[in-house]
């Protein structure tokens, strides 16, 4: 998600925009290097990546697009199957169906509130709290466009490209007044090391960072997002959430496991392998190196 608090040089963007598709097609690696430099103002070191953000770029370019399990788990349908196989079927949000086209959905059979999500992308979602007020024509236009988009090529997160574009409809687990709090747990080589808690989504969104022992980790605040002004309590079932995240993360060098805690019940959200495409700007640059030290990708870089 783009943070409106991050100011961008619009002239500079306009000058480079015509060349982006050309570079992206001719040399994905060069494109990622230029994108990383443009956003972070640093040169990307892919020969000997040390920073967390550099290692994410290496995984983004050379590892994850070639890992069938990553490709499967990055998609919403495949992720649900993977969660079930890992023994956490009871943590899946109830699904009302998967559809190839928006026109195939029988809205008369859906409850008053639900969530529509594209299976092959991040952020192509729509929350419906009141079906009576739902503008289907507007939604159809959006989903028709989204389904026709090769998200992996658009963002150069190519592990998304092989995923079949579909629409999955899930139960809405928030309340009418607010969206549920999200716990985004970062797992490095199968170990949960830190997280951020998303509150106030849809109103005044806040990202609050912690180590996995719930010690504040303010330096890892990223991309200009604000932290919560209110104290955030550790969920009573936090140890269970960590174990679930680590169980799901075991096969991967890095993955962010998104979970919810609704009245003591844990729900699975999604698996994210390259958060913000790896182009993160931390409040404290030391957080980039600290997290980079947690992430061992040596078995990939030595090949």
Protein backbone atom coordinates (compact mmCIF):
# COMPACT_ATOMS: atom_id res chain seq x y z
CA UNK A 1 0.00 0.00 0.00
CA UNK A 2 1.30 3.42 -0.92
CA UNK A 3 1.62 5.77 2.02
CA UNK A 4 0.37 9.26 1.12
CA UNK A 5 2.80 10.70 3.69
CA UNK A 6 5.72 9.69 1.47
CA UNK A 7 6.23 12.55 -0.94
CA UNK A 8 7.38 11.68 -4.43
CA UNK A 9 9.01 13.85 -7.07
CA UNK A 10 6.20 13.86 -9.64
CA UNK A 11 8.38 15.37 -12.36
CA UNK A 12 11.01 12.70 -11.89
CA UNK A 13 8.36 9.99 -12.00
CA UNK A 14 6.88 11.44 -15.20
CA UNK A 15 10.30 11.48 -16.86
CA UNK A 16 11.11 7.85 -16.07
CA UNK A 17 7.62 6.36 -16.56
CA UNK A 18 7.84 5.90 -20.36
CA UNK A 19 10.98 3.81 -19.98
CA UNK A 20 9.79 1.53 -17.17
CA UNK A 21 7.99 -1.08 -19.35
CA UNK A 22 10.97 -1.30 -21.70
CA UNK A 23 13.52 -1.85 -18.94
CA UNK A 24 11.20 -4.25 -17.12
CA UNK A 25 10.90 -6.40 -20.24
CA UNK A 26 14.53 -6.30 -21.37
CA UNK A 27 16.16 -6.72 -17.96
CA UNK A 28 14.10 -7.47 -14.83
CA UNK A 29 17.29 -7.37 -12.75
CA UNK A 30 18.20 -3.90 -13.98
CA UNK A 31 14.64 -2.74 -13.38
CA UNK A 32 14.72 -3.97 -9.79
CA UNK A 33 18.10 -2.30 -9.24
CA UNK A 34 16.79 1.00 -10.57
CA UNK A 35 13.55 0.69 -8.61
CA UNK A 36 15.46 0.00 -5.39
CA UNK A 37 17.74 2.98 -6.04
CA UNK A 38 14.79 5.23 -6.92
CA UNK A 39 12.85 4.39 -3.73
CA UNK A 40 15.59 3.85 -1.14
CA UNK A 41 18.28 6.12 -2.65
CA UNK A 42 20.80 3.31 -2.24
CA UNK A 43 22.62 1.06 -4.66
CA UNK A 44 21.36 -2.51 -4.56
CA UNK A 45 24.04 -5.11 -3.78
CA UNK A 46 22.96 -8.44 -5.27
CA UNK A 47 26.42 -10.03 -5.37
CA UNK A 48 26.81 -9.91 -1.61
CA UNK A 49 23.45 -8.88 -0.11
CA UNK A 50 23.69 -7.91 3.54
CA UNK A 51 20.64 -5.80 4.26
CA UNK A 52 17.23 -7.38 4.77
CA UNK A 53 15.89 -5.37 1.83
CA UNK A 54 18.75 -6.54 -0.39
CA UNK A 55 18.15 -10.17 0.49
CA UNK A 56 14.44 -9.75 -0.24
CA UNK A 57 15.37 -8.46 -3.69
CA UNK A 58 17.57 -11.50 -4.27
CA UNK A 59 14.74 -13.83 -3.28
CA UNK A 60 12.31 -11.79 -5.38
CA UNK A 61 14.44 -12.08 -8.51
CA UNK A 62 16.16 -15.45 -8.36
CA UNK A 63 14.55 -17.76 -5.81
CA UNK A 64 10.84 -17.36 -5.25
CA UNK A 65 9.74 -17.36 -8.93
CA UNK A 66 11.37 -20.81 -9.26
CA UNK A 67 9.94 -22.33 -6.07
CA UNK A 68 6.65 -24.17 -6.77
CA UNK A 69 5.63 -24.08 -3.10
CA UNK A 70 6.13 -20.31 -2.92
CA UNK A 71 4.07 -19.88 -6.10
CA UNK A 72 1.33 -22.05 -4.64
CA UNK A 73 1.33 -20.46 -1.19
CA UNK A 74 1.39 -16.91 -2.56
CA UNK A 75 -2.04 -17.45 -4.10
CA UNK A 76 -5.10 -17.32 -1.91
CA UNK A 77 -6.50 -20.68 -3.00
CA UNK A 78 -3.14 -22.40 -2.81
CA UNK A 79 -2.39 -20.82 0.57
CA UNK A 80 -5.64 -22.20 2.00
CA UNK A 81 -4.72 -25.68 0.79
CA UNK A 82 -1.23 -25.33 2.27
CA UNK A 83 -2.61 -24.16 5.63
CA UNK A 84 -4.97 -27.15 5.67
CA UNK A 85 -2.12 -29.55 4.87
CA UNK A 86 -0.03 -28.03 7.66
CA UNK A 87 -2.76 -28.89 10.18
CA UNK A 88 -4.44 -25.52 10.62
CA UNK A 89 -7.67 -25.99 8.68
CA UNK A 90 -9.62 -24.76 11.70
CA UNK A 91 -7.85 -21.38 11.39
CA UNK A 92 -9.12 -20.70 7.86
CA UNK A 93 -11.75 -18.01 7.36
CA UNK A 94 -14.97 -19.50 6.03
CA UNK A 95 -15.10 -19.41 2.22
CA UNK A 96 -18.30 -18.94 0.21
CA UNK A 97 -16.74 -20.03 -3.07
CA UNK A 98 -14.14 -19.46 -5.78
CA UNK A 99 -15.14 -18.02 -9.16
CA UNK A 100 -13.43 -17.57 -12.51
CA UNK A 101 -15.55 -14.52 -13.41
CA UNK A 102 -17.39 -11.84 -11.48
CA UNK A 103 -20.54 -12.66 -13.46
CA UNK A 104 -20.52 -16.21 -12.08
CA UNK A 105 -21.18 -15.01 -8.52
CA UNK A 106 -24.72 -15.52 -7.21
CA UNK A 107 -24.95 -12.62 -4.78
CA UNK A 108 -28.42 -13.71 -3.65
CA UNK A 109 -26.81 -16.65 -1.85
CA UNK A 110 -24.25 -14.49 -0.03
CA UNK A 111 -24.77 -13.05 3.48
CA UNK A 112 -25.12 -9.31 4.13
CA UNK A 113 -21.36 -8.88 4.58
CA UNK A 114 -18.41 -10.63 2.91
CA UNK A 115 -14.98 -10.01 1.35
CA UNK A 116 -14.05 -10.46 -2.31
CA UNK A 117 -10.39 -11.12 -3.09
CA UNK A 118 -8.45 -11.84 -6.24
CA UNK A 119 -6.49 -15.04 -5.80
CA UNK A 120 -3.42 -14.03 -7.82
CA UNK A 121 -2.46 -10.68 -6.33
CA UNK A 122 -1.97 -8.59 -3.23
CA UNK A 123 -4.35 -5.73 -2.55
CA UNK A 124 -6.98 -6.62 -5.16
CA UNK A 125 -9.69 -6.89 -2.50
CA UNK A 126 -13.09 -5.45 -1.72
CA UNK A 127 -14.85 -5.49 1.65
CA UNK A 128 -18.64 -5.49 1.58
CA UNK A 129 -20.23 -4.68 4.93
CA UNK A 130 -23.75 -4.14 3.59
CA UNK A 131 -24.82 -6.05 0.50
CA UNK A 132 -27.79 -3.73 -0.03
CA UNK A 133 -25.46 -0.76 -0.53
CA UNK A 134 -23.03 -2.71 -2.70
CA UNK A 135 -22.45 -1.23 -6.17
CA UNK A 136 -22.09 -4.37 -8.25
CA UNK A 137 -21.46 -2.60 -11.54
CA UNK A 138 -18.58 -0.64 -10.10
CA UNK A 139 -17.21 -3.78 -8.45
CA UNK A 140 -17.50 -5.73 -11.70
CA UNK A 141 -15.46 -3.13 -13.56
CA UNK A 142 -12.74 -3.34 -10.93
CA UNK A 143 -12.62 -7.13 -10.78
CA UNK A 144 -12.74 -7.53 -14.55
CA UNK A 145 -9.69 -5.28 -14.73
CA UNK A 146 -7.94 -7.02 -11.85
CA UNK A 147 -8.54 -10.50 -13.25
CA UNK A 148 -7.02 -9.40 -16.56
CA UNK A 149 -3.89 -8.07 -14.81
CA UNK A 150 -0.72 -10.15 -14.63
CA UNK A 151 0.15 -8.94 -11.14
CA UNK A 152 3.50 -10.74 -11.09
CA UNK A 153 4.67 -8.95 -14.22
CA UNK A 154 3.22 -5.63 -13.11
CA UNK A 155 5.14 -5.63 -9.82
CA UNK A 156 8.00 -7.92 -10.89
CA UNK A 157 7.09 -10.28 -8.07
CA UNK A 158 7.02 -13.10 -10.57
CA UNK A 159 6.03 -15.80 -8.11
CA UNK A 160 2.50 -14.42 -8.56
CA UNK A 161 2.45 -14.83 -12.35
CA UNK A 162 1.61 -18.57 -12.60
CA UNK A 163 -1.33 -18.25 -10.19
CA UNK A 164 -4.73 -18.62 -11.86
CA UNK A 165 -6.70 -15.35 -11.60
CA UNK A 166 -9.93 -16.04 -9.74
CA UNK A 167 -12.18 -14.44 -7.14
CA UNK A 168 -12.49 -16.00 -3.71
CA UNK A 169 -15.25 -14.83 -1.38
CA UNK A 170 -14.68 -15.12 2.36
CA UNK A 171 -16.60 -14.35 5.49
CA UNK A 172 -16.12 -10.84 6.85
CA UNK A 173 -14.71 -11.28 10.36
CA UNK A 174 -14.63 -7.61 11.36
CA UNK A 175 -17.42 -5.54 12.85
CA UNK A 176 -19.58 -2.97 11.11
CA UNK A 177 -17.67 -0.18 12.87
CA UNK A 178 -14.10 -1.31 12.28
CA UNK A 179 -11.90 -3.76 10.42
CA UNK A 180 -10.10 -6.45 12.41
CA UNK A 181 -6.63 -5.95 13.84
CA UNK A 182 -3.92 -7.74 11.87
CA UNK A 183 -0.77 -9.35 13.23
CA UNK A 184 1.89 -9.57 10.53
CA UNK A 185 4.58 -11.94 11.76
CA UNK A 186 7.97 -11.98 10.01
CA UNK A 187 9.63 -15.39 9.95
CA UNK A 188 13.30 -15.74 9.06
CA UNK A 189 14.40 -19.28 8.18
CA UNK A 190 11.37 -20.60 10.02
CA UNK A 191 11.75 -18.46 13.15
CA UNK A 192 9.37 -15.64 14.08
CA UNK A 193 11.59 -12.67 14.89
CA UNK A 194 9.39 -9.58 14.67
CA UNK A 195 5.99 -8.30 13.61
CA UNK A 196 3.86 -5.27 13.13
CA UNK A 197 0.29 -4.81 14.25
CA UNK A 198 -2.11 -3.03 11.90
CA UNK A 199 -4.88 -1.07 13.60
CA UNK A 200 -7.31 1.59 12.43
CA UNK A 201 -7.51 0.25 8.88
CA UNK A 202 -10.08 2.18 6.89
CA UNK A 203 -9.84 5.20 9.22
CA UNK A 204 -6.51 6.25 10.68
CA UNK A 205 -4.29 3.29 9.93
CA UNK A 206 -1.36 2.60 12.25
CA UNK A 207 1.53 0.15 12.03
CA UNK A 208 3.17 -0.68 15.37
CA UNK A 209 6.34 -2.77 15.39
CA UNK A 210 7.52 -5.31 17.94
CA UNK A 211 10.06 -8.06 18.35
CA UNK A 212 8.39 -11.46 18.69
CA UNK A 213 8.72 -11.27 22.49
CA UNK A 214 6.52 -8.13 22.27
CA UNK A 215 9.40 -5.75 23.02
CA UNK A 216 8.91 -2.55 20.98
CA UNK A 217 10.95 -2.42 17.78
CA UNK A 218 10.44 1.22 16.71
CA UNK A 219 13.43 1.27 14.38
CA UNK A 220 11.66 -1.13 12.02
CA UNK A 221 8.83 1.34 11.42
CA UNK A 222 8.86 1.70 7.65
CA UNK A 223 7.78 3.78 4.68
CA UNK A 224 6.55 6.69 6.75
CA UNK A 225 3.68 4.88 8.46
CA UNK A 226 2.64 6.15 11.87
CA UNK A 227 2.66 4.03 15.01
CA UNK A 228 -0.36 3.66 17.25
CA UNK A 229 -0.70 6.25 19.98
CA UNK A 230 -2.49 3.68 22.11
CA UNK A 231 -0.80 0.81 23.89
CA UNK A 232 -1.30 -2.48 22.06
CA UNK A 233 -1.66 -5.51 24.28
CA UNK A 234 -0.15 -8.84 23.40
CA UNK A 235 -2.89 -11.35 22.54
CA UNK A 236 -3.47 -14.01 25.18
CA UNK A 237 -2.93 -16.68 22.53
CA UNK A 238 0.24 -15.05 21.19
CA UNK A 239 2.36 -18.17 21.74
CA UNK A 240 -0.11 -20.16 19.63
CA UNK A 241 0.04 -17.53 16.91
CA UNK A 242 3.84 -17.67 16.86
CA UNK A 243 3.85 -21.47 16.67
CA UNK A 244 1.37 -21.42 13.80
CA UNK A 245 3.42 -18.81 11.94
CA UNK A 246 6.62 -20.80 12.40
CA UNK A 247 4.97 -24.06 11.30
CA UNK A 248 3.75 -22.39 8.11
CA UNK A 249 7.12 -20.70 7.54
CA UNK A 250 9.33 -23.79 7.86
CA UNK A 251 9.97 -24.42 4.14
CA UNK A 252 10.79 -20.81 3.28
CA UNK A 253 13.85 -18.60 3.88
CA UNK A 254 11.51 -15.68 4.55
CA UNK A 255 7.78 -15.22 4.74
CA UNK A 256 5.40 -12.87 6.51
CA UNK A 257 2.47 -14.70 8.05
CA UNK A 258 -0.64 -12.56 8.52
CA UNK A 259 -3.00 -13.63 11.29
CA UNK A 260 -6.05 -12.28 13.10
CA UNK A 261 -7.18 -12.74 16.68
CA UNK A 262 -10.97 -12.45 16.95
CA UNK A 263 -12.22 -12.91 20.50
CA UNK A 264 -9.50 -15.44 21.23
CA UNK A 265 -9.81 -17.37 17.95
CA UNK A 266 -6.93 -17.27 15.50
CA UNK A 267 -7.66 -16.80 11.80
CA UNK A 268 -5.26 -17.09 8.87
CA UNK A 269 -4.95 -14.11 6.52
CA UNK A 270 -2.26 -14.70 3.90
CA UNK A 271 1.41 -15.42 3.26
CA UNK A 272 3.54 -12.59 1.86
CA UNK A 273 7.01 -13.37 0.53
CA UNK A 274 8.23 -9.96 -0.64
CA UNK A 275 6.59 -7.26 1.53
CA UNK A 276 6.35 -3.95 -0.32
CA UNK A 277 8.46 -5.60 -3.04
CA UNK A 278 11.36 -5.38 -0.59
CA UNK A 279 11.61 -1.61 -1.07
CA UNK A 280 11.28 -0.68 2.58
CA UNK A 281 12.55 2.57 4.08
CA UNK A 282 13.10 2.09 7.81
CA UNK A 283 12.96 4.81 10.43
CA UNK A 284 16.31 3.50 11.67
CA UNK A 285 18.65 2.13 9.02
CA UNK A 286 20.13 -0.25 11.58
CA UNK A 287 16.89 -2.25 11.45
CA UNK A 288 17.67 -3.15 7.84
CA UNK A 289 21.02 -4.64 8.86
CA UNK A 290 19.62 -6.28 12.00
CA UNK A 291 16.93 -8.09 10.07
CA UNK A 292 19.38 -8.87 7.31
CA UNK A 293 21.53 -10.75 9.83
CA UNK A 294 18.51 -12.91 10.72
CA UNK A 295 17.98 -14.00 7.12
CA UNK A 296 20.33 -16.69 5.84
CA UNK A 297 20.12 -17.10 2.05
CA UNK A 298 23.63 -18.51 1.65
CA UNK A 299 22.45 -21.78 0.12
CA UNK A 300 20.97 -19.77 -2.74
CA UNK A 301 23.74 -17.23 -3.25
CA UNK A 302 26.52 -19.84 -3.32
CA UNK A 303 25.04 -21.57 -6.36
